[in-house]
Amino acid sequence: MQIVDVKQFVSTADGSRRYAWKTIPIGEALKIAEPRLRCPECKGIIALRRRSEDGAVPNRGEHRAKNRGCSLGDCFDGVKRLAANPIEPDEDSIGE
């Protein structure tokens, strides 16, 4: 997974700020101290993984619990569905 949702303050069109989910690349998420993360598709809990020493495995996000219903994971069964314990599933993400 190369993108994740992170909960942070964002500026709105009217100039105000609010706490919202924002979809960002893994590289940016790794720079944030103690980010609150979720998968942008299934809303499941995500863990960040740094690239391997030899660079064979890139920086990435991984579901903490496998979700066969998420196309961003490594075990997708072809039918999209939320994680078993989604994080704030009713809140939409703000795109990159």
Protein backbone atom coordinates (compact mmCIF):
# COMPACT_ATOMS: atom_id res chain seq x y z
CA MET A 1 0.00 0.00 0.00
CA GLN A 2 1.52 3.31 -1.04
CA ILE A 3 -1.17 5.70 0.33
CA VAL A 4 -2.81 6.01 3.75
CA ASP A 5 -5.35 8.22 5.49
CA VAL A 6 -3.96 10.35 8.32
CA LYS A 7 -6.07 12.38 10.76
CA GLN A 8 -4.79 15.96 10.85
CA PHE A 9 -5.87 19.58 10.71
CA VAL A 10 -6.68 20.75 7.17
CA SER A 11 -7.71 24.11 5.71
CA THR A 12 -11.15 24.35 4.13
CA ALA A 13 -12.30 26.46 1.18
CA ASP A 14 -13.75 29.11 3.51
CA GLY A 15 -10.38 29.55 5.27
CA SER A 16 -11.29 27.69 8.45
CA ARG A 17 -9.46 24.63 9.75
CA ARG A 18 -10.87 21.30 10.83
CA TYR A 19 -9.63 17.91 11.99
CA ALA A 20 -10.19 15.50 9.09
CA TRP A 21 -8.88 12.39 7.34
CA LYS A 22 -6.50 13.22 4.51
CA THR A 23 -5.08 10.73 2.00
CA ILE A 24 -1.30 11.07 1.68
CA PRO A 25 1.61 9.05 0.26
CA ILE A 26 3.51 6.69 2.59
CA GLY A 27 6.66 8.83 2.34
CA GLU A 28 4.82 11.79 3.90
CA ALA A 29 3.21 9.63 6.59
CA LEU A 30 6.63 8.35 7.68
CA LYS A 31 7.67 11.95 8.44
CA ILE A 32 4.79 12.54 10.89
CA ALA A 33 5.42 11.80 14.57
CA GLU A 34 2.82 9.34 15.87
CA PRO A 35 0.26 9.71 13.09
CA ARG A 36 -3.29 8.41 13.41
CA LEU A 37 -3.65 6.17 10.37
CA ARG A 38 -6.23 4.11 8.53
CA CYS A 39 -6.61 2.50 5.12
CA PRO A 40 -8.26 4.92 2.64
CA GLU A 41 -10.39 2.10 1.18
CA CYS A 42 -11.51 -0.27 3.97
CA LYS A 43 -10.89 2.13 6.93
CA GLY A 44 -8.87 -0.57 8.75
CA ILE A 45 -5.87 0.02 11.04
CA ILE A 46 -2.57 0.48 9.17
CA ALA A 47 1.02 0.01 10.29
CA LEU A 48 3.86 1.81 8.50
CA ARG A 49 6.88 -0.19 7.39
CA ARG A 50 10.17 1.36 6.31
CA ARG A 51 12.02 0.06 3.26
CA SER A 52 14.49 -2.78 3.65
CA GLU A 53 18.23 -2.11 4.01
CA ASP A 54 18.94 -3.26 0.45
CA GLY A 55 15.94 -1.37 -0.97
CA ALA A 56 14.31 -4.56 -2.26
CA VAL A 57 11.13 -3.83 -0.26
CA PRO A 58 9.90 -0.20 -0.44
CA ASN A 59 8.31 1.96 2.27
CA ARG A 60 4.75 0.75 2.64
CA GLY A 61 1.63 0.54 4.74
CA GLU A 62 0.22 -2.80 5.82
CA HIS A 63 -3.11 -3.73 7.37
CA ARG A 64 -2.59 -4.79 11.00
CA ALA A 65 -5.32 -7.39 10.48
CA LYS A 66 -5.65 -8.96 7.02
CA ASN A 67 -8.76 -7.82 5.16
CA ARG A 68 -9.73 -9.91 2.16
CA GLY A 69 -12.19 -7.14 1.23
CA CYS A 70 -9.58 -4.46 0.49
CA SER A 71 -7.99 -4.11 -2.92
CA LEU A 72 -5.06 -2.15 -1.41
CA GLY A 73 -4.01 -5.15 0.70
CA ASP A 74 -2.16 -8.29 -0.31
CA CYS A 75 -5.01 -10.81 -0.02
CA PHE A 76 -7.96 -9.21 -1.91
CA ASP A 77 -10.71 -11.71 -2.77
CA GLY A 78 -12.43 -9.50 -5.37
CA VAL A 79 -15.29 -8.16 -3.21
CA LYS A 80 -14.68 -4.75 -1.57
CA ARG A 81 -15.90 -4.32 2.02
CA LEU A 82 -14.97 -2.43 5.19
CA ALA A 83 -12.53 -3.81 7.74
CA ALA A 84 -13.94 -5.85 10.64
CA ASN A 85 -13.24 -2.91 13.00
CA PRO A 86 -13.16 0.21 10.80
CA ILE A 87 -11.90 3.55 12.12
CA GLU A 88 -14.52 6.30 11.73
CA PRO A 89 -16.08 4.68 8.64
CA ASP A 90 -18.67 7.47 8.24
CA GLU A 91 -15.98 10.14 7.76
CA ASP A 92 -14.83 10.63 4.18
CA SER A 93 -11.22 11.31 3.25
CA ILE A 94 -9.90 14.47 1.65
CA GLY A 95 -7.87 13.48 -1.43
CA GLU A 96 -4.16 14.02 -1.93
